[in-house]
Amino acid sequence: MSAQEETGSSQNETYGAVTGAYKVMARRIAGMFSEEGLTQPQFQALRIVAKKGAVCMREISDAMFVTPANITGIIDRLEARGLLTRAGRKGDRRTTDIMLTTKGKALQGRVAEKYSRFIQDALGVFTQEEQKTLRDLLLKLQEGMSRSEV
């Protein structure tokens, strides 16, 4: 095997490991959310509202890096389940604030706790130093991929 073929093989194995780890984590997280009747975007929206308090849909869409039109459907479904409410903002009738209901706070807290435990367990196979190295390497990969035209 030539040096070029060896490098290509190593890169393919590395890529396979990165994407494989992502797929396993994404599948497990999706299953955890599904058990609670949520999708990942719905959990993200609940999490943002829990963190920021009363917030408009534009702020949620900005935080999730999606268009406001995408957020409308997510908020509609969460509101229909009694997890969120909408209220006009005092002093600005054009803006509607999104807030968690008591039921929404309870669900968000329960799922956030499960999510946190999952992340701790998943990354618990690494020492603190290994986690830092992994994080640095993944950020370097992310940065490189963002700059290049692949």
N, C-alpha and C. Protein backbone atom coordinates (compact mmCIF):
# COMPACT_ATOMS: atom_id res chain seq x y z
N MET A 1 0.86 -1.18 0.00
CA MET A 1 0.00 0.00 0.00
C MET A 1 0.90 1.24 0.00
N SER A 2 0.60 2.18 -0.88
CA SER A 2 1.39 3.40 -0.97
C SER A 2 1.10 4.31 0.22
N ALA A 3 1.98 5.28 0.45
CA ALA A 3 1.79 6.24 1.54
C ALA A 3 0.50 7.03 1.34
N GLN A 4 0.20 7.34 0.09
CA GLN A 4 -1.03 8.10 -0.21
C GLN A 4 -2.27 7.25 0.10
N GLU A 5 -2.23 5.98 -0.27
CA GLU A 5 -3.36 5.08 0.02
C GLU A 5 -3.51 4.87 1.51
N GLU A 6 -2.36 4.78 2.21
CA GLU A 6 -2.40 4.61 3.66
C GLU A 6 -3.02 5.83 4.33
N THR A 7 -2.62 7.02 3.87
CA THR A 7 -3.19 8.26 4.41
C THR A 7 -4.69 8.31 4.15
N GLY A 8 -5.10 7.99 2.93
CA GLY A 8 -6.52 7.99 2.58
C GLY A 8 -7.30 7.01 3.43
N SER A 9 -6.74 5.84 3.66
CA SER A 9 -7.40 4.83 4.48
C SER A 9 -7.56 5.31 5.92
N SER A 10 -6.49 5.92 6.45
CA SER A 10 -6.53 6.44 7.82
C SER A 10 -7.58 7.55 7.95
N GLN A 11 -7.63 8.41 6.93
CA GLN A 11 -8.61 9.50 6.96
C GLN A 11 -10.03 8.95 6.88
N ASN A 12 -10.24 7.94 6.06
CA ASN A 12 -11.56 7.32 5.97
C ASN A 12 -11.96 6.68 7.29
N GLU A 13 -11.01 6.02 7.95
CA GLU A 13 -11.30 5.41 9.25
C GLU A 13 -11.64 6.47 10.29
N THR A 14 -10.89 7.58 10.26
CA THR A 14 -11.15 8.68 11.20
C THR A 14 -12.53 9.27 10.95
N TYR A 15 -12.83 9.53 9.70
CA TYR A 15 -14.14 10.07 9.34
C TYR A 15 -15.24 9.11 9.77
N GLY A 16 -15.03 7.84 9.53
CA GLY A 16 -16.01 6.83 9.95
C GLY A 16 -16.22 6.83 11.46
N ALA A 17 -15.14 7.01 12.21
CA ALA A 17 -15.25 7.04 13.67
C ALA A 17 -16.03 8.27 14.14
N VAL A 18 -15.74 9.42 13.53
CA VAL A 18 -16.44 10.66 13.91
C VAL A 18 -17.92 10.54 13.59
N THR A 19 -18.24 10.14 12.37
CA THR A 19 -19.66 10.05 11.98
C THR A 19 -20.37 8.93 12.73
N GLY A 20 -19.67 7.85 12.99
CA GLY A 20 -20.28 6.74 13.75
C GLY A 20 -20.64 7.17 15.16
N ALA A 21 -19.72 7.88 15.82
CA ALA A 21 -19.99 8.36 17.18
C ALA A 21 -21.18 9.32 17.17
N TYR A 22 -21.20 10.23 16.18
CA TYR A 22 -22.32 11.17 16.08
C TYR A 22 -23.65 10.43 15.90
N LYS A 23 -23.65 9.44 15.01
CA LYS A 23 -24.90 8.71 14.73
C LYS A 23 -25.41 7.98 15.96
N VAL A 24 -24.50 7.34 16.70
CA VAL A 24 -24.92 6.62 17.91
C VAL A 24 -25.48 7.59 18.93
N MET A 25 -24.79 8.71 19.15
CA MET A 25 -25.26 9.71 20.12
C MET A 25 -26.60 10.29 19.68
N ALA A 26 -26.71 10.65 18.41
CA ALA A 26 -27.96 11.25 17.90
C ALA A 26 -29.13 10.28 18.04
N ARG A 27 -28.89 9.02 17.74
CA ARG A 27 -29.96 8.01 17.85
C ARG A 27 -30.40 7.84 19.31
N ARG A 28 -29.44 7.78 20.22
CA ARG A 28 -29.77 7.62 21.64
C ARG A 28 -30.51 8.84 22.17
N ILE A 29 -30.07 10.02 21.79
CA ILE A 29 -30.71 11.25 22.25
C ILE A 29 -32.12 11.35 21.67
N ALA A 30 -32.27 11.03 20.39
CA ALA A 30 -33.59 11.07 19.76
C ALA A 30 -34.54 10.10 20.47
N GLY A 31 -34.04 8.92 20.84
CA GLY A 31 -34.86 7.95 21.57
C GLY A 31 -35.29 8.47 22.93
N MET A 32 -34.37 9.13 23.61
CA MET A 32 -34.67 9.70 24.92
C MET A 32 -35.75 10.77 24.80
N PHE A 33 -35.63 11.65 23.80
CA PHE A 33 -36.64 12.69 23.59
C PHE A 33 -37.98 12.06 23.21
N SER A 34 -37.92 11.07 22.35
CA SER A 34 -39.13 10.40 21.89
C SER A 34 -39.91 9.78 23.05
N GLU A 35 -39.21 9.22 24.02
CA GLU A 35 -39.86 8.65 25.21
C GLU A 35 -40.71 9.70 25.92
N GLU A 36 -40.32 10.95 25.80
CA GLU A 36 -41.04 12.06 26.44
C GLU A 36 -41.98 12.75 25.47
N GLY A 37 -42.10 12.21 24.25
CA GLY A 37 -43.00 12.80 23.26
C GLY A 37 -42.46 14.06 22.62
N LEU A 38 -41.14 14.20 22.60
CA LEU A 38 -40.52 15.40 22.04
C LEU A 38 -39.59 15.05 20.87
N THR A 39 -39.36 16.04 20.03
CA THR A 39 -38.31 15.96 19.03
C THR A 39 -37.13 16.79 19.55
N GLN A 40 -35.98 16.63 18.94
CA GLN A 40 -34.83 17.42 19.38
C GLN A 40 -35.08 18.93 19.22
N PRO A 41 -35.65 19.39 18.09
CA PRO A 41 -35.93 20.83 17.99
C PRO A 41 -36.93 21.32 19.04
N GLN A 42 -37.91 20.50 19.40
CA GLN A 42 -38.86 20.90 20.44
C GLN A 42 -38.14 21.04 21.79
N PHE A 43 -37.25 20.09 22.08
CA PHE A 43 -36.49 20.20 23.34
C PHE A 43 -35.62 21.45 23.33
N GLN A 44 -34.98 21.72 22.19
CA GLN A 44 -34.16 22.92 22.08
C GLN A 44 -34.98 24.17 22.37
N ALA A 45 -36.17 24.24 21.81
CA ALA A 45 -37.03 25.41 22.02
C ALA A 45 -37.41 25.52 23.50
N LEU A 46 -37.80 24.41 24.11
CA LEU A 46 -38.13 24.43 25.54
C LEU A 46 -36.93 24.90 26.37
N ARG A 47 -35.77 24.41 26.01
CA ARG A 47 -34.55 24.76 26.74
C ARG A 47 -34.23 26.25 26.65
N ILE A 48 -34.42 26.81 25.46
CA ILE A 48 -34.16 28.24 25.26
C ILE A 48 -35.13 29.07 26.09
N VAL A 49 -36.41 28.70 26.06
CA VAL A 49 -37.41 29.45 26.83
C VAL A 49 -37.15 29.29 28.32
N ALA A 50 -36.74 28.09 28.75
CA ALA A 50 -36.44 27.88 30.17
C ALA A 50 -35.26 28.75 30.61
N LYS A 51 -34.28 28.89 29.74
CA LYS A 51 -33.08 29.66 30.08
C LYS A 51 -33.34 31.17 30.05
N LYS A 52 -34.09 31.63 29.05
CA LYS A 52 -34.26 33.07 28.85
C LYS A 52 -35.52 33.64 29.46
N GLY A 53 -36.46 32.80 29.82
CA GLY A 53 -37.75 33.30 30.31
C GLY A 53 -38.62 33.69 29.14
N ALA A 54 -39.50 34.67 29.33
CA ALA A 54 -40.38 35.12 28.24
C ALA A 54 -39.52 35.59 27.08
N VAL A 55 -39.76 35.01 25.92
CA VAL A 55 -38.92 35.29 24.77
C VAL A 55 -39.77 35.28 23.50
N CYS A 56 -39.41 36.12 22.54
CA CYS A 56 -40.18 36.14 21.29
C CYS A 56 -39.65 35.05 20.35
N MET A 57 -40.47 34.73 19.36
CA MET A 57 -40.11 33.64 18.44
C MET A 57 -38.83 33.96 17.66
N ARG A 58 -38.60 35.21 17.35
CA ARG A 58 -37.38 35.61 16.63
C ARG A 58 -36.14 35.21 17.43
N GLU A 59 -36.18 35.42 18.74
CA GLU A 59 -35.04 35.05 19.59
C GLU A 59 -34.83 33.54 19.61
N ILE A 60 -35.92 32.80 19.61
CA ILE A 60 -35.81 31.33 19.58
C ILE A 60 -35.22 30.90 18.25
N SER A 61 -35.72 31.46 17.15
CA SER A 61 -35.21 31.06 15.83
C SER A 61 -33.74 31.43 15.68
N ASP A 62 -33.34 32.59 16.19
CA ASP A 62 -31.93 32.99 16.13
C ASP A 62 -31.06 32.03 16.93
N ALA A 63 -31.51 31.66 18.12
CA ALA A 63 -30.74 30.76 18.97
C ALA A 63 -30.62 29.36 18.36
N MET A 64 -31.64 28.95 17.58
CA MET A 64 -31.64 27.62 16.98
C MET A 64 -31.09 27.63 15.55
N PHE A 65 -30.76 28.82 15.03
CA PHE A 65 -30.24 28.97 13.67
C PHE A 65 -31.20 28.43 12.61
N VAL A 66 -32.48 28.71 12.79
CA VAL A 66 -33.50 28.33 11.80
C VAL A 66 -34.39 29.54 11.54
N THR A 67 -35.19 29.45 10.49
CA THR A 67 -36.07 30.57 10.15
C THR A 67 -37.25 30.65 11.12
N PRO A 68 -37.80 31.85 11.30
CA PRO A 68 -38.99 31.98 12.16
C PRO A 68 -40.14 31.08 11.71
N ALA A 69 -40.27 30.84 10.41
CA ALA A 69 -41.34 29.97 9.91
C ALA A 69 -41.20 28.56 10.48
N ASN A 70 -39.97 28.07 10.61
CA ASN A 70 -39.76 26.74 11.20
C ASN A 70 -40.15 26.71 12.68
N ILE A 71 -39.91 27.80 13.36
CA ILE A 71 -40.20 27.87 14.80
C ILE A 71 -41.70 27.88 15.04
N THR A 72 -42.46 28.49 14.15
CA THR A 72 -43.91 28.57 14.33
C THR A 72 -44.52 27.20 14.54
N GLY A 73 -44.17 26.24 13.70
CA GLY A 73 -44.72 24.89 13.83
C GLY A 73 -44.31 24.22 15.14
N ILE A 74 -43.06 24.41 15.52
CA ILE A 74 -42.57 23.84 16.78
C ILE A 74 -43.34 24.42 17.96
N ILE A 75 -43.48 25.73 17.97
CA ILE A 75 -44.18 26.41 19.07
C ILE A 75 -45.66 26.01 19.07
N ASP A 76 -46.27 25.93 17.89
CA ASP A 76 -47.68 25.50 17.80
C ASP A 76 -47.88 24.14 18.46
N ARG A 77 -47.00 23.18 18.14
CA ARG A 77 -47.14 21.83 18.70
C ARG A 77 -46.91 21.81 20.21
N LEU A 78 -45.94 22.57 20.67
CA LEU A 78 -45.68 22.63 22.12
C LEU A 78 -46.82 23.33 22.85
N GLU A 79 -47.39 24.36 22.24
CA GLU A 79 -48.52 25.06 22.84
C GLU A 79 -49.75 24.14 22.89
N ALA A 80 -49.97 23.37 21.83
CA ALA A 80 -51.11 22.45 21.78
C ALA A 80 -51.02 21.39 22.88
N ARG A 81 -49.82 21.07 23.29
CA ARG A 81 -49.62 20.09 24.38
C ARG A 81 -49.66 20.74 25.76
N GLY A 82 -49.85 22.07 25.80
CA GLY A 82 -49.92 22.77 27.07
C GLY A 82 -48.58 23.00 27.72
N LEU A 83 -47.50 23.00 26.92
CA LEU A 83 -46.15 23.17 27.46
C LEU A 83 -45.69 24.63 27.39
N LEU A 84 -46.27 25.38 26.47
CA LEU A 84 -45.93 26.79 26.28
C LEU A 84 -47.21 27.61 26.16
N THR A 85 -47.08 28.89 26.46
CA THR A 85 -48.18 29.82 26.19
C THR A 85 -47.60 31.02 25.45
N ARG A 86 -48.50 31.74 24.78
CA ARG A 86 -48.12 32.96 24.08
C ARG A 86 -48.88 34.11 24.73
N ALA A 87 -48.21 35.23 24.84
CA ALA A 87 -48.85 36.42 25.39
C ALA A 87 -48.26 37.65 24.70
N GLY A 88 -49.12 38.62 24.43
CA GLY A 88 -48.64 39.87 23.84
C GLY A 88 -47.70 40.58 24.80
N ARG A 89 -46.68 41.18 24.26
CA ARG A 89 -45.70 41.91 25.08
C ARG A 89 -46.27 43.27 25.43
N LYS A 90 -46.19 43.61 26.69
CA LYS A 90 -46.68 44.92 27.13
C LYS A 90 -45.88 46.02 26.45
N GLY A 91 -46.59 46.97 25.91
CA GLY A 91 -45.93 48.10 25.25
C GLY A 91 -45.57 47.86 23.79
N ASP A 92 -45.75 46.62 23.31
CA ASP A 92 -45.44 46.33 21.91
C ASP A 92 -46.39 45.24 21.42
N ARG A 93 -47.51 45.65 20.87
CA ARG A 93 -48.54 44.69 20.46
C ARG A 93 -48.10 43.81 19.30
N ARG A 94 -47.02 44.19 18.60
CA ARG A 94 -46.55 43.40 17.47
C ARG A 94 -45.76 42.17 17.91
N THR A 95 -45.30 42.17 19.15
CA THR A 95 -44.44 41.09 19.63
C THR A 95 -45.20 40.17 20.57
N THR A 96 -45.04 38.89 20.35
CA THR A 96 -45.66 37.88 21.20
C THR A 96 -44.56 37.15 21.95
N ASP A 97 -44.69 37.10 23.26
CA ASP A 97 -43.72 36.38 24.08
C ASP A 97 -44.17 34.93 24.26
N ILE A 98 -43.20 34.04 24.28
CA ILE A 98 -43.41 32.62 24.51
C ILE A 98 -42.91 32.32 25.92
N MET A 99 -43.74 31.61 26.70
CA MET A 99 -43.37 31.28 28.08
C MET A 99 -43.70 29.82 28.37
N LEU A 100 -42.92 29.22 29.26
CA LEU A 100 -43.21 27.85 29.69
C LEU A 100 -44.39 27.85 30.65
N THR A 101 -45.22 26.84 30.53
CA THR A 101 -46.27 26.61 31.52
C THR A 101 -45.65 25.77 32.65
N THR A 102 -46.40 25.56 33.69
CA THR A 102 -45.93 24.70 34.79
C THR A 102 -45.63 23.31 34.26
N LYS A 103 -46.52 22.80 33.41
CA LYS A 103 -46.31 21.49 32.79
C LYS A 103 -45.05 21.49 31.92
N GLY A 104 -44.84 22.57 31.19
CA GLY A 104 -43.65 22.70 30.34
C GLY A 104 -42.37 22.75 31.15
N LYS A 105 -42.41 23.48 32.27
CA LYS A 105 -41.23 23.55 33.14
C LYS A 105 -40.88 22.17 33.69
N ALA A 106 -41.89 21.44 34.10
CA ALA A 106 -41.66 20.11 34.67
C ALA A 106 -41.06 19.18 33.62
N LEU A 107 -41.63 19.17 32.41
CA LEU A 107 -41.12 18.31 31.34
C LEU A 107 -39.70 18.72 30.95
N GLN A 108 -39.49 20.01 30.76
CA GLN A 108 -38.18 20.49 30.36
C GLN A 108 -37.13 20.12 31.42
N GLY A 109 -37.45 20.29 32.67
CA GLY A 109 -36.52 19.95 33.74
C GLY A 109 -36.19 18.46 33.78
N ARG A 110 -37.21 17.65 33.60
CA ARG A 110 -37.02 16.19 33.63
C ARG A 110 -36.15 15.74 32.45
N VAL A 111 -36.45 16.25 31.26
CA VAL A 111 -35.69 15.86 30.08
C VAL A 111 -34.27 16.43 30.13
N ALA A 112 -34.12 17.64 30.61
CA ALA A 112 -32.79 18.24 30.74
C ALA A 112 -31.91 17.41 31.68
N GLU A 113 -32.50 16.91 32.73
CA GLU A 113 -31.76 16.07 33.68
C GLU A 113 -31.32 14.76 33.01
N LYS A 114 -32.24 14.12 32.27
CA LYS A 114 -31.90 12.89 31.54
C LYS A 114 -30.79 13.17 30.51
N TYR A 115 -30.94 14.26 29.80
CA TYR A 115 -29.98 14.65 28.76
C TYR A 115 -28.59 14.86 29.39
N SER A 116 -28.56 15.56 30.51
CA SER A 116 -27.30 15.82 31.21
C SER A 116 -26.65 14.51 31.66
N ARG A 117 -27.45 13.60 32.22
CA ARG A 117 -26.91 12.30 32.64
C ARG A 117 -26.37 11.52 31.45
N PHE A 118 -27.09 11.56 30.33
CA PHE A 118 -26.64 10.87 29.13
C PHE A 118 -25.28 11.39 28.69
N ILE A 119 -25.14 12.72 28.62
CA ILE A 119 -23.88 13.33 28.18
C ILE A 119 -22.75 12.95 29.15
N GLN A 120 -23.05 13.01 30.45
CA GLN A 120 -22.03 12.63 31.45
C GLN A 120 -21.60 11.18 31.27
N ASP A 121 -22.57 10.29 31.06
CA ASP A 121 -22.25 8.87 30.87
C ASP A 121 -21.47 8.66 29.57
N ALA A 122 -21.91 9.31 28.50
CA ALA A 122 -21.26 9.13 27.20
C ALA A 122 -19.81 9.60 27.24
N LEU A 123 -19.59 10.75 27.84
CA LEU A 123 -18.24 11.31 27.87
C LEU A 123 -17.44 10.83 29.08
N GLY A 124 -18.11 10.13 29.98
CA GLY A 124 -17.44 9.61 31.18
C GLY A 124 -16.39 8.56 30.88
N VAL A 125 -16.37 8.03 29.66
CA VAL A 125 -15.34 7.06 29.29
C VAL A 125 -13.99 7.74 29.09
N PHE A 126 -13.99 9.07 29.05
CA PHE A 126 -12.77 9.85 28.87
C PHE A 126 -12.37 10.52 30.18
N THR A 127 -11.08 10.69 30.38
CA THR A 127 -10.59 11.51 31.49
C THR A 127 -10.87 12.97 31.13
N GLN A 128 -10.71 13.85 32.11
CA GLN A 128 -10.90 15.29 31.84
C GLN A 128 -9.93 15.75 30.76
N GLU A 129 -8.71 15.28 30.82
CA GLU A 129 -7.69 15.67 29.82
C GLU A 129 -8.08 15.15 28.43
N GLU A 130 -8.58 13.92 28.36
CA GLU A 130 -9.02 13.37 27.08
C GLU A 130 -10.21 14.13 26.53
N GLN A 131 -11.12 14.53 27.42
CA GLN A 131 -12.28 15.32 26.97
C GLN A 131 -11.82 16.65 26.37
N LYS A 132 -10.84 17.28 27.02
CA LYS A 132 -10.32 18.55 26.50
C LYS A 132 -9.66 18.33 25.14
N THR A 133 -8.88 17.28 25.01
CA THR A 133 -8.22 16.98 23.74
C THR A 133 -9.26 16.71 22.66
N LEU A 134 -10.26 15.90 22.98
CA LEU A 134 -11.32 15.60 22.01
C LEU A 134 -12.05 16.86 21.60
N ARG A 135 -12.42 17.68 22.57
CA ARG A 135 -13.12 18.94 22.28
C ARG A 135 -12.27 19.83 21.38
N ASP A 136 -10.97 19.96 21.70
CA ASP A 136 -10.08 20.80 20.90
C ASP A 136 -9.97 20.27 19.47
N LEU A 137 -9.84 18.96 19.33
CA LEU A 137 -9.73 18.36 18.00
C LEU A 137 -11.01 18.53 17.20
N LEU A 138 -12.15 18.32 17.84
CA LEU A 138 -13.42 18.48 17.13
C LEU A 138 -13.66 19.94 16.74
N LEU A 139 -13.28 20.87 17.61
CA LEU A 139 -13.41 22.29 17.26
C LEU A 139 -12.49 22.65 16.10
N LYS A 140 -11.29 22.06 16.09
CA LYS A 140 -10.36 22.28 14.98
C LYS A 140 -10.94 21.73 13.68
N LEU A 141 -11.53 20.56 13.74
CA LEU A 141 -12.18 19.97 12.57
C LEU A 141 -13.33 20.86 12.09
N GLN A 142 -14.14 21.31 13.03
CA GLN A 142 -15.29 22.17 12.71
C GLN A 142 -14.81 23.46 12.04
N GLU A 143 -13.77 24.05 12.60
CA GLU A 143 -13.23 25.29 12.04
C GLU A 143 -12.68 25.05 10.64
N GLY A 144 -11.92 23.97 10.47
CA GLY A 144 -11.37 23.66 9.17
C GLY A 144 -12.44 23.40 8.14
N MET A 145 -13.49 22.70 8.53
CA MET A 145 -14.59 22.40 7.61
C MET A 145 -15.36 23.68 7.26
N SER A 146 -15.44 24.59 8.18
CA SER A 146 -16.15 25.85 7.94
C SER A 146 -15.42 26.74 6.95
N ARG A 147 -14.10 26.65 6.95
CA ARG A 147 -13.29 27.50 6.08
C ARG A 147 -13.13 26.95 4.69
N SER A 148 -13.11 25.64 4.57
CA SER A 148 -12.79 25.04 3.27
C SER A 148 -14.03 24.79 2.44
N GLU A 149 -13.83 24.74 1.17
CA GLU A 149 -14.89 24.40 0.22
C GLU A 149 -14.77 22.92 -0.06
N VAL A 150 -15.42 22.09 0.76
CA VAL A 150 -15.33 20.65 0.60
C VAL A 150 -16.49 20.14 -0.21
